[in-house]
Amino acid sequence: MQGDMDYFARVHAQALPFLTAILRRVLPQGKIMGHEYVALNPRRIDSALGSFKINLQTGRWADFAVNASGGDVTSLVAYVLCLPQSDAAKAVLRMIGGAP
């Protein structure tokens, strides 16, 4: 379990500098507002920006309309693309050209 946590922490550290590019790829209709990326949530019927936000400095994210949240890039990609964490980590690494 600790090994998995270390792996996801390494993926997050590699991905964080590329967060804006990742967000534009997985949530292309979002907008940068201050230190947050605000997007429509593709997992629900969402017609207005405002409740689904990602902190551009930390990667923490939340959709306050459905009480969904996470603390890193991998969990966000897993949530948005409906993937298991391990597959989301691999997808993130492919997006940034990173190493496992």
PDB file of N, CA and C in Angstrom:
ATOM      1  N   MET A   1       0.825  -1.201   0.000  1.00  0.00           N
ATOM      2  CA  MET A   1       0.000   0.000   0.000  1.00  0.00           C
ATOM      3  C   MET A   1       0.866   1.260   0.000  1.00  0.00           C
ATOM      4  N   GLN A   2       1.898   1.287   0.832  1.00  0.00           N
ATOM      5  CA  GLN A   2       2.794   2.441   0.878  1.00  0.00           C
ATOM      6  C   GLN A   2       3.480   2.644  -0.465  1.00  0.00           C
ATOM      7  N   GLY A   3       3.834   1.541  -1.137  1.00  0.00           N
ATOM      8  CA  GLY A   3       4.456   1.637  -2.449  1.00  0.00           C
ATOM      9  C   GLY A   3       3.540   2.308  -3.457  1.00  0.00           C
ATOM     10  N   ASP A   4       2.248   1.978  -3.421  1.00  0.00           N
ATOM     11  CA  ASP A   4       1.278   2.620  -4.310  1.00  0.00           C
ATOM     12  C   ASP A   4       1.194   4.115  -4.027  1.00  0.00           C
ATOM     13  N   MET A   5       1.191   4.460  -2.741  1.00  0.00           N
ATOM     14  CA  MET A   5       1.103   5.877  -2.368  1.00  0.00           C
ATOM     15  C   MET A   5       2.339   6.629  -2.862  1.00  0.00           C
ATOM     16  N   ASP A   6       3.511   6.009  -2.727  1.00  0.00           N
ATOM     17  CA  ASP A   6       4.737   6.638  -3.212  1.00  0.00           C
ATOM     18  C   ASP A   6       4.693   6.821  -4.726  1.00  0.00           C
ATOM     19  N   TYR A   7       4.189   5.800  -5.431  1.00  0.00           N
ATOM     20  CA  TYR A   7       4.085   5.856  -6.890  1.00  0.00           C
ATOM     21  C   TYR A   7       3.179   7.007  -7.304  1.00  0.00           C
ATOM     22  N   PHE A   8       1.999   7.107  -6.707  1.00  0.00           N
ATOM     23  CA  PHE A   8       1.070   8.177  -7.066  1.00  0.00           C
ATOM     24  C   PHE A   8       1.631   9.550  -6.701  1.00  0.00           C
ATOM     25  N   ALA A   9       2.373   9.627  -5.611  1.00  0.00           N
ATOM     26  CA  ALA A   9       3.009  10.891  -5.231  1.00  0.00           C
ATOM     27  C   ALA A   9       4.063  11.291  -6.266  1.00  0.00           C
ATOM     28  N   ARG A  10       4.813  10.319  -6.775  1.00  0.00           N
ATOM     29  CA  ARG A  10       5.815  10.609  -7.811  1.00  0.00           C
ATOM     30  C   ARG A  10       5.142  11.061  -9.108  1.00  0.00           C
ATOM     31  N   VAL A  11       4.063  10.385  -9.484  1.00  0.00           N
ATOM     32  CA  VAL A  11       3.323  10.782 -10.693  1.00  0.00           C
ATOM     33  C   VAL A  11       2.801  12.207 -10.520  1.00  0.00           C
ATOM     34  N   HIS A  12       2.235  12.500  -9.367  1.00  0.00           N
ATOM     35  CA  HIS A  12       1.709  13.845  -9.106  1.00  0.00           C
ATOM     36  C   HIS A  12       2.823  14.893  -9.213  1.00  0.00           C
ATOM     37  N   ALA A  13       3.965  14.613  -8.617  1.00  0.00           N
ATOM     38  CA  ALA A  13       5.082  15.566  -8.652  1.00  0.00           C
ATOM     39  C   ALA A  13       5.548  15.813 -10.086  1.00  0.00           C
ATOM     40  N   GLN A  14       5.582  14.759 -10.898  1.00  0.00           N
ATOM     41  CA  GLN A  14       5.979  14.924 -12.298  1.00  0.00           C
ATOM     42  C   GLN A  14       4.924  15.688 -13.094  1.00  0.00           C
ATOM     43  N   ALA A  15       3.653  15.458 -12.784  1.00  0.00           N
ATOM     44  CA  ALA A  15       2.559  16.024 -13.571  1.00  0.00           C
ATOM     45  C   ALA A  15       2.221  17.466 -13.197  1.00  0.00           C
ATOM     46  N   LEU A  16       2.453  17.851 -11.973  1.00  0.00           N
ATOM     47  CA  LEU A  16       2.008  19.173 -11.518  1.00  0.00           C
ATOM     48  C   LEU A  16       2.508  20.324 -12.393  1.00  0.00           C
ATOM     49  N   PRO A  17       3.762  20.326 -12.853  1.00  0.00           N
ATOM     50  CA  PRO A  17       4.181  21.428 -13.733  1.00  0.00           C
ATOM     51  C   PRO A  17       3.418  21.475 -15.060  1.00  0.00           C
ATOM     52  N   PHE A  18       2.783  20.380 -15.434  1.00  0.00           N
ATOM     53  CA  PHE A  18       2.042  20.290 -16.691  1.00  0.00           C
ATOM     54  C   PHE A  18       0.526  20.321 -16.477  1.00  0.00           C
ATOM     55  N   LEU A  19       0.100  20.715 -15.294  1.00  0.00           N
ATOM     56  CA  LEU A  19      -1.313  20.618 -14.933  1.00  0.00           C
ATOM     57  C   LEU A  19      -2.228  21.360 -15.896  1.00  0.00           C
ATOM     58  N   THR A  20      -1.883  22.562 -16.270  1.00  0.00           N
ATOM     59  CA  THR A  20      -2.746  23.330 -17.168  1.00  0.00           C
ATOM     60  C   THR A  20      -2.925  22.596 -18.497  1.00  0.00           C
ATOM     61  N   ALA A  21      -1.861  22.043 -19.043  1.00  0.00           N
ATOM     62  CA  ALA A  21      -1.944  21.300 -20.305  1.00  0.00           C
ATOM     63  C   ALA A  21      -2.806  20.045 -20.140  1.00  0.00           C
ATOM     64  N   ILE A  22      -2.663  19.356 -19.026  1.00  0.00           N
ATOM     65  CA  ILE A  22      -3.476  18.162 -18.755  1.00  0.00           C
ATOM     66  C   ILE A  22      -4.948  18.556 -18.671  1.00  0.00           C
ATOM     67  N   LEU A  23      -5.227  19.633 -17.967  1.00  0.00           N
ATOM     68  CA  LEU A  23      -6.611  20.083 -17.819  1.00  0.00           C
ATOM     69  C   LEU A  23      -7.222  20.479 -19.160  1.00  0.00           C
ATOM     70  N   ARG A  24      -6.453  21.141 -19.981  1.00  0.00           N
ATOM     71  CA  ARG A  24      -6.971  21.534 -21.298  1.00  0.00           C
ATOM     72  C   ARG A  24      -7.250  20.311 -22.168  1.00  0.00           C
ATOM     73  N   ARG A  25      -6.560  19.240 -21.877  1.00  0.00           N
ATOM     74  CA  ARG A  25      -6.786  18.002 -22.640  1.00  0.00           C
ATOM     75  C   ARG A  25      -8.017  17.237 -22.135  1.00  0.00           C
ATOM     76  N   VAL A  26      -8.148  17.110 -20.820  1.00  0.00           N
ATOM     77  CA  VAL A  26      -9.252  16.297 -20.280  1.00  0.00           C
ATOM     78  C   VAL A  26     -10.512  17.103 -19.990  1.00  0.00           C
ATOM     79  N   LEU A  27     -10.369  18.411 -19.843  1.00  0.00           N
ATOM     80  CA  LEU A  27     -11.506  19.307 -19.589  1.00  0.00           C
ATOM     81  C   LEU A  27     -11.372  20.533 -20.493  1.00  0.00           C
ATOM     82  N   PRO A  28     -11.475  20.333 -21.816  1.00  0.00           N
ATOM     83  CA  PRO A  28     -11.124  21.399 -22.761  1.00  0.00           C
ATOM     84  C   PRO A  28     -11.995  22.646 -22.717  1.00  0.00           C
ATOM     85  N   GLN A  29     -13.163  22.588 -22.130  1.00  0.00           N
ATOM     86  CA  GLN A  29     -14.017  23.768 -22.108  1.00  0.00           C
ATOM     87  C   GLN A  29     -13.845  24.590 -20.832  1.00  0.00           C
ATOM     88  N   GLY A  30     -12.854  24.240 -20.021  1.00  0.00           N
ATOM     89  CA  GLY A  30     -12.622  24.973 -18.787  1.00  0.00           C
ATOM     90  C   GLY A  30     -11.945  26.306 -19.013  1.00  0.00           C
ATOM     91  N   LYS A  31     -11.890  27.081 -17.941  1.00  0.00           N
ATOM     92  CA  LYS A  31     -11.274  28.406 -17.991  1.00  0.00           C
ATOM     93  C   LYS A  31     -10.421  28.629 -16.753  1.00  0.00           C
ATOM     94  N   ILE A  32      -9.341  29.361 -16.930  1.00  0.00           N
ATOM     95  CA  ILE A  32      -8.509  29.750 -15.799  1.00  0.00           C
ATOM     96  C   ILE A  32      -9.139  30.983 -15.172  1.00  0.00           C
ATOM     97  N   MET A  33      -9.395  30.887 -13.867  1.00  0.00           N
ATOM     98  CA  MET A  33      -9.940  32.005 -13.099  1.00  0.00           C
ATOM     99  C   MET A  33      -9.087  32.141 -11.853  1.00  0.00           C
ATOM    100  N   GLY A  34      -8.193  33.121 -11.891  1.00  0.00           N
ATOM    101  CA  GLY A  34      -7.275  33.289 -10.764  1.00  0.00           C
ATOM    102  C   GLY A  34      -6.343  32.098 -10.670  1.00  0.00           C
ATOM    103  N   HIS A  35      -6.287  31.473  -9.500  1.00  0.00           N
ATOM    104  CA  HIS A  35      -5.409  30.317  -9.300  1.00  0.00           C
ATOM    105  C   HIS A  35      -6.153  28.989  -9.472  1.00  0.00           C
ATOM    106  N   GLU A  36      -7.331  29.048 -10.120  1.00  0.00           N
ATOM    107  CA  GLU A  36      -8.128  27.836 -10.317  1.00  0.00           C
ATOM    108  C   GLU A  36      -8.490  27.641 -11.786  1.00  0.00           C
ATOM    109  N   TYR A  37      -8.699  26.393 -12.135  1.00  0.00           N
ATOM    110  CA  TYR A  37      -9.253  26.025 -13.430  1.00  0.00           C
ATOM    111  C   TYR A  37     -10.680  25.613 -13.144  1.00  0.00           C
ATOM    112  N   VAL A  38     -11.624  26.269 -13.782  1.00  0.00           N
ATOM    113  CA  VAL A  38     -13.037  26.019 -13.549  1.00  0.00           C
ATOM    114  C   VAL A  38     -13.605  25.386 -14.816  1.00  0.00           C
ATOM    115  N   ALA A  39     -14.282  24.250 -14.658  1.00  0.00           N
ATOM    116  CA  ALA A  39     -14.753  23.502 -15.820  1.00  0.00           C
ATOM    117  C   ALA A  39     -16.140  22.925 -15.569  1.00  0.00           C
ATOM    118  N   LEU A  40     -16.748  22.473 -16.650  1.00  0.00           N
ATOM    119  CA  LEU A  40     -17.983  21.709 -16.534  1.00  0.00           C
ATOM    120  C   LEU A  40     -17.593  20.284 -16.172  1.00  0.00           C
ATOM    121  N   ASN A  41     -18.358  19.663 -15.316  1.00  0.00           N
ATOM    122  CA  ASN A  41     -18.071  18.297 -14.911  1.00  0.00           C
ATOM    123  C   ASN A  41     -18.682  17.336 -15.929  1.00  0.00           C
ATOM    124  N   PRO A  42     -17.838  16.578 -16.646  1.00  0.00           N
ATOM    125  CA  PRO A  42     -18.375  15.657 -17.659  1.00  0.00           C
ATOM    126  C   PRO A  42     -19.079  14.436 -17.074  1.00  0.00           C
ATOM    127  N   ARG A  43     -18.994  14.250 -15.758  1.00  0.00           N
ATOM    128  CA  ARG A  43     -19.621  13.103 -15.115  1.00  0.00           C
ATOM    129  C   ARG A  43     -21.082  13.346 -14.737  1.00  0.00           C
ATOM    130  N   ARG A  44     -21.553  14.559 -14.967  1.00  0.00           N
ATOM    131  CA  ARG A  44     -22.948  14.866 -14.644  1.00  0.00           C
ATOM    132  C   ARG A  44     -23.445  15.928 -15.606  1.00  0.00           C
ATOM    133  N   ILE A  45     -24.741  16.150 -15.604  1.00  0.00           N
ATOM    134  CA  ILE A  45     -25.300  17.224 -16.427  1.00  0.00           C
ATOM    135  C   ILE A  45     -24.912  18.536 -15.751  1.00  0.00           C
ATOM    136  N   ASP A  46     -24.037  19.251 -16.388  1.00  0.00           N
ATOM    137  CA  ASP A  46     -23.486  20.476 -15.823  1.00  0.00           C
ATOM    138  C   ASP A  46     -23.570  21.546 -16.899  1.00  0.00           C
ATOM    139  N   SER A  47     -24.325  22.584 -16.639  1.00  0.00           N
ATOM    140  CA  SER A  47     -24.552  23.591 -17.673  1.00  0.00           C
ATOM    141  C   SER A  47     -23.896  24.936 -17.393  1.00  0.00           C
ATOM    142  N   ALA A  48     -23.315  25.088 -16.209  1.00  0.00           N
ATOM    143  CA  ALA A  48     -22.707  26.376 -15.878  1.00  0.00           C
ATOM    144  C   ALA A  48     -21.411  26.158 -15.097  1.00  0.00           C
ATOM    145  N   LEU A  49     -20.414  26.954 -15.443  1.00  0.00           N
ATOM    146  CA  LEU A  49     -19.158  26.916 -14.699  1.00  0.00           C
ATOM    147  C   LEU A  49     -19.379  27.396 -13.277  1.00  0.00           C
ATOM    148  N   GLY A  50     -18.623  26.835 -12.357  1.00  0.00           N
ATOM    149  CA  GLY A  50     -18.682  27.363 -11.004  1.00  0.00           C
ATOM    150  C   GLY A  50     -18.464  26.357  -9.907  1.00  0.00           C
ATOM    151  N   SER A  51     -18.985  25.147 -10.043  1.00  0.00           N
ATOM    152  CA  SER A  51     -18.876  24.212  -8.924  1.00  0.00           C
ATOM    153  C   SER A  51     -17.706  23.230  -9.039  1.00  0.00           C
ATOM    154  N   PHE A  52     -17.162  23.047 -10.241  1.00  0.00           N
ATOM    155  CA  PHE A  52     -16.075  22.092 -10.457  1.00  0.00           C
ATOM    156  C   PHE A  52     -14.784  22.875 -10.659  1.00  0.00           C
ATOM    157  N   LYS A  53     -13.892  22.800  -9.653  1.00  0.00           N
ATOM    158  CA  LYS A  53     -12.693  23.632  -9.665  1.00  0.00           C
ATOM    159  C   LYS A  53     -11.447  22.818  -9.334  1.00  0.00           C
ATOM    160  N   ILE A  54     -10.342  23.202  -9.968  1.00  0.00           N
ATOM    161  CA  ILE A  54      -9.059  22.564  -9.731  1.00  0.00           C
ATOM    162  C   ILE A  54      -8.063  23.661  -9.370  1.00  0.00           C
ATOM    163  N   ASN A  55      -7.365  23.486  -8.263  1.00  0.00           N
ATOM    164  CA  ASN A  55      -6.350  24.435  -7.846  1.00  0.00           C
ATOM    165  C   ASN A  55      -5.113  24.230  -8.724  1.00  0.00           C
ATOM    166  N   LEU A  56      -4.701  25.254  -9.436  1.00  0.00           N
ATOM    167  CA  LEU A  56      -3.586  25.146 -10.369  1.00  0.00           C
ATOM    168  C   LEU A  56      -2.231  25.049  -9.691  1.00  0.00           C
ATOM    169  N   GLN A  57      -2.154  25.379  -8.429  1.00  0.00           N
ATOM    170  CA  GLN A  57      -0.877  25.304  -7.711  1.00  0.00           C
ATOM    171  C   GLN A  57      -0.679  23.959  -7.033  1.00  0.00           C
ATOM    172  N   THR A  58      -1.763  23.339  -6.597  1.00  0.00           N
ATOM    173  CA  THR A  58      -1.640  22.098  -5.824  1.00  0.00           C
ATOM    174  C   THR A  58      -2.206  20.865  -6.516  1.00  0.00           C
ATOM    175  N   GLY A  59      -3.116  21.064  -7.456  1.00  0.00           N
ATOM    176  CA  GLY A  59      -3.784  19.949  -8.100  1.00  0.00           C
ATOM    177  C   GLY A  59      -4.995  19.435  -7.341  1.00  0.00           C
ATOM    178  N   ARG A  60      -5.267  19.999  -6.172  1.00  0.00           N
ATOM    179  CA  ARG A  60      -6.478  19.599  -5.429  1.00  0.00           C
ATOM    180  C   ARG A  60      -7.695  20.042  -6.237  1.00  0.00           C
ATOM    181  N   TRP A  61      -8.752  19.230  -6.205  1.00  0.00           N
ATOM    182  CA  TRP A  61      -9.934  19.517  -7.008  1.00  0.00           C
ATOM    183  C   TRP A  61     -11.188  19.154  -6.231  1.00  0.00           C
ATOM    184  N   ALA A  62     -12.288  19.750  -6.651  1.00  0.00           N
ATOM    185  CA  ALA A  62     -13.576  19.439  -6.022  1.00  0.00           C
ATOM    186  C   ALA A  62     -14.707  19.857  -6.942  1.00  0.00           C
ATOM    187  N   ASP A  63     -15.776  19.094  -6.878  1.00  0.00           N
ATOM    188  CA  ASP A  63     -17.043  19.505  -7.463  1.00  0.00           C
ATOM    189  C   ASP A  63     -18.006  19.616  -6.299  1.00  0.00           C
ATOM    190  N   PHE A  64     -18.272  20.836  -5.918  1.00  0.00           N
ATOM    191  CA  PHE A  64     -19.069  21.097  -4.731  1.00  0.00           C
ATOM    192  C   PHE A  64     -20.545  20.759  -4.926  1.00  0.00           C
ATOM    193  N   ALA A  65     -20.969  20.598  -6.181  1.00  0.00           N
ATOM    194  CA  ALA A  65     -22.364  20.251  -6.443  1.00  0.00           C
ATOM    195  C   ALA A  65     -22.667  18.794  -6.127  1.00  0.00           C
ATOM    196  N   VAL A  66     -21.645  17.942  -6.200  1.00  0.00           N
ATOM    197  CA  VAL A  66     -21.867  16.509  -5.957  1.00  0.00           C
ATOM    198  C   VAL A  66     -20.966  15.960  -4.857  1.00  0.00           C
ATOM    199  N   ASN A  67     -20.261  16.841  -4.167  1.00  0.00           N
ATOM    200  CA  ASN A  67     -19.391  16.440  -3.063  1.00  0.00           C
ATOM    201  C   ASN A  67     -18.320  15.435  -3.497  1.00  0.00           C
ATOM    202  N   ALA A  68     -17.715  15.675  -4.662  1.00  0.00           N
ATOM    203  CA  ALA A  68     -16.600  14.857  -5.143  1.00  0.00           C
ATOM    204  C   ALA A  68     -15.333  15.684  -5.028  1.00  0.00           C
ATOM    205  N   SER A  69     -14.237  15.054  -4.616  1.00  0.00           N
ATOM    206  CA  SER A  69     -12.992  15.805  -4.485  1.00  0.00           C
ATOM    207  C   SER A  69     -11.802  14.858  -4.478  1.00  0.00           C
ATOM    208  N   GLY A  70     -10.632  15.448  -4.672  1.00  0.00           N
ATOM    209  CA  GLY A  70      -9.398  14.683  -4.633  1.00  0.00           C
ATOM    210  C   GLY A  70      -8.214  15.605  -4.436  1.00  0.00           C
ATOM    211  N   GLY A  71      -7.070  15.003  -4.167  1.00  0.00           N
ATOM    212  CA  GLY A  71      -5.913  15.805  -3.814  1.00  0.00           C
ATOM    213  C   GLY A  71      -4.780  15.818  -4.803  1.00  0.00           C
ATOM    214  N   ASP A  72      -4.960  15.160  -5.972  1.00  0.00           N
ATOM    215  CA  ASP A  72      -3.840  15.139  -6.904  1.00  0.00           C
ATOM    216  C   ASP A  72      -4.311  14.971  -8.346  1.00  0.00           C
ATOM    217  N   VAL A  73      -3.344  15.082  -9.248  1.00  0.00           N
ATOM    218  CA  VAL A  73      -3.641  15.022 -10.676  1.00  0.00           C
ATOM    219  C   VAL A  73      -4.201  13.653 -11.062  1.00  0.00           C
ATOM    220  N   THR A  74      -3.633  12.592 -10.520  1.00  0.00           N
ATOM    221  CA  THR A  74      -4.088  11.247 -10.876  1.00  0.00           C
ATOM    222  C   THR A  74      -5.536  11.022 -10.467  1.00  0.00           C
ATOM    223  N   SER A  75      -5.904  11.447  -9.286  1.00  0.00           N
ATOM    224  CA  SER A  75      -7.296  11.243  -8.855  1.00  0.00           C
ATOM    225  C   SER A  75      -8.261  12.044  -9.722  1.00  0.00           C
ATOM    226  N   LEU A  76      -7.849  13.219 -10.166  1.00  0.00           N
ATOM    227  CA  LEU A  76      -8.689  14.020 -11.053  1.00  0.00           C
ATOM    228  C   LEU A  76      -8.888  13.312 -12.391  1.00  0.00           C
ATOM    229  N   VAL A  77      -7.807  12.846 -12.990  1.00  0.00           N
ATOM    230  CA  VAL A  77      -7.902  12.164 -14.276  1.00  0.00           C
ATOM    231  C   VAL A  77      -8.720  10.879 -14.130  1.00  0.00           C
ATOM    232  N   ALA A  78      -8.525  10.165 -13.028  1.00  0.00           N
ATOM    233  CA  ALA A  78      -9.317   8.957 -12.776  1.00  0.00           C
ATOM    234  C   ALA A  78     -10.799   9.300 -12.713  1.00  0.00           C
ATOM    235  N   TYR A  79     -11.133  10.365 -12.014  1.00  0.00           N
ATOM    236  CA  TYR A  79     -12.526  10.782 -11.868  1.00  0.00           C
ATOM    237  C   TYR A  79     -13.116  11.207 -13.207  1.00  0.00           C
ATOM    238  N   VAL A  80     -12.436  12.104 -13.916  1.00  0.00           N
ATOM    239  CA  VAL A  80     -12.967  12.668 -15.154  1.00  0.00           C
ATOM    240  C   VAL A  80     -13.098  11.602 -16.249  1.00  0.00           C
ATOM    241  N   LEU A  81     -12.103  10.717 -16.359  1.00  0.00           N
ATOM    242  CA  LEU A  81     -12.104   9.723 -17.429  1.00  0.00           C
ATOM    243  C   LEU A  81     -12.682   8.374 -16.994  1.00  0.00           C
ATOM    244  N   CYS A  82     -13.173   8.300 -15.763  1.00  0.00           N
ATOM    245  CA  CYS A  82     -13.772   7.061 -15.228  1.00  0.00           C
ATOM    246  C   CYS A  82     -12.783   5.886 -15.308  1.00  0.00           C
ATOM    247  N   LEU A  83     -11.590   6.116 -14.803  1.00  0.00           N
ATOM    248  CA  LEU A  83     -10.541   5.102 -14.830  1.00  0.00           C
ATOM    249  C   LEU A  83     -10.154   4.690 -13.420  1.00  0.00           C
ATOM    250  N   PRO A  84      -9.627   3.477 -13.242  1.00  0.00           N
ATOM    251  CA  PRO A  84      -8.990   3.124 -11.970  1.00  0.00           C
ATOM    252  C   PRO A  84      -7.748   4.007 -11.780  1.00  0.00           C
ATOM    253  N   GLN A  85      -7.365   4.223 -10.552  1.00  0.00           N
ATOM    254  CA  GLN A  85      -6.209   5.080 -10.245  1.00  0.00           C
ATOM    255  C   GLN A  85      -4.962   4.665 -11.021  1.00  0.00           C
ATOM    256  N   SER A  86      -4.679   3.365 -11.071  1.00  0.00           N
ATOM    257  CA  SER A  86      -3.453   2.911 -11.734  1.00  0.00           C
ATOM    258  C   SER A  86      -3.491   3.246 -13.227  1.00  0.00           C
ATOM    259  N   ASP A  87      -4.634   3.078 -13.870  1.00  0.00           N
ATOM    260  CA  ASP A  87      -4.755   3.422 -15.288  1.00  0.00           C
ATOM    261  C   ASP A  87      -4.677   4.934 -15.490  1.00  0.00           C
ATOM    262  N   ALA A  88      -5.230   5.685 -14.572  1.00  0.00           N
ATOM    263  CA  ALA A  88      -5.162   7.144 -14.656  1.00  0.00           C
ATOM    264  C   ALA A  88      -3.717   7.620 -14.525  1.00  0.00           C
ATOM    265  N   ALA A  89      -2.956   7.007 -13.628  1.00  0.00           N
ATOM    266  CA  ALA A  89      -1.546   7.373 -13.467  1.00  0.00           C
ATOM    267  C   ALA A  89      -0.781   7.120 -14.763  1.00  0.00           C
ATOM    268  N   LYS A  90      -1.040   5.987 -15.399  1.00  0.00           N
ATOM    269  CA  LYS A  90      -0.387   5.676 -16.678  1.00  0.00           C
ATOM    270  C   LYS A  90      -0.797   6.686 -17.745  1.00  0.00           C
ATOM    271  N   ALA A  91      -2.071   7.071 -17.758  1.00  0.00           N
ATOM    272  CA  ALA A  91      -2.545   8.057 -18.730  1.00  0.00           C
ATOM    273  C   ALA A  91      -1.867   9.406 -18.508  1.00  0.00           C
ATOM    274  N   VAL A  92      -1.734   9.799 -17.257  1.00  0.00           N
ATOM    275  CA  VAL A  92      -1.064  11.066 -16.932  1.00  0.00           C
ATOM    276  C   VAL A  92       0.381  11.025 -17.411  1.00  0.00           C
ATOM    277  N   LEU A  93       1.067   9.932 -17.136  1.00  0.00           N
ATOM    278  CA  LEU A  93       2.464   9.815 -17.565  1.00  0.00           C
ATOM    279  C   LEU A  93       2.583   9.853 -19.083  1.00  0.00           C
ATOM    280  N   ARG A  94       1.644   9.245 -19.792  1.00  0.00           N
ATOM    281  CA  ARG A  94       1.666   9.318 -21.266  1.00  0.00           C
ATOM    282  C   ARG A  94       1.460  10.758 -21.729  1.00  0.00           C
ATOM    283  N   MET A  95       0.567  11.481 -21.066  1.00  0.00           N
ATOM    284  CA  MET A  95       0.294  12.873 -21.462  1.00  0.00           C
ATOM    285  C   MET A  95       1.520  13.757 -21.309  1.00  0.00           C
ATOM    286  N   ILE A  96       2.324  13.502 -20.293  1.00  0.00           N
ATOM    287  CA  ILE A  96       3.463  14.379 -20.024  1.00  0.00           C
ATOM    288  C   ILE A  96       4.794  13.794 -20.486  1.00  0.00           C
ATOM    289  N   GLY A  97       4.757  12.559 -20.988  1.00  0.00           N
ATOM    290  CA  GLY A  97       6.001  11.923 -21.418  1.00  0.00           C
ATOM    291  C   GLY A  97       6.896  11.578 -20.249  1.00  0.00           C
ATOM    292  N   GLY A  98       6.276  11.284 -19.104  1.00  0.00           N
ATOM    293  CA  GLY A  98       7.043  10.999 -17.881  1.00  0.00           C
ATOM    294  C   GLY A  98       7.393   9.538 -17.728  1.00  0.00           C
ATOM    295  N   ALA A  99       8.212   9.265 -16.748  1.00  0.00           N
ATOM    296  CA  ALA A  99       8.633   7.905 -16.420  1.00  0.00           C
ATOM    297  C   ALA A  99       7.905   7.452 -15.169  1.00  0.00           C
ATOM    298  N   PRO A 100       7.631   6.144 -15.072  1.00  0.00           N
ATOM    299  CA  PRO A 100       6.920   5.623 -13.872  1.00  0.00           C
ATOM    300  C   PRO A 100       7.716   5.748 -12.599  1.00  0.00           C
TER     301      PRO A 100
END
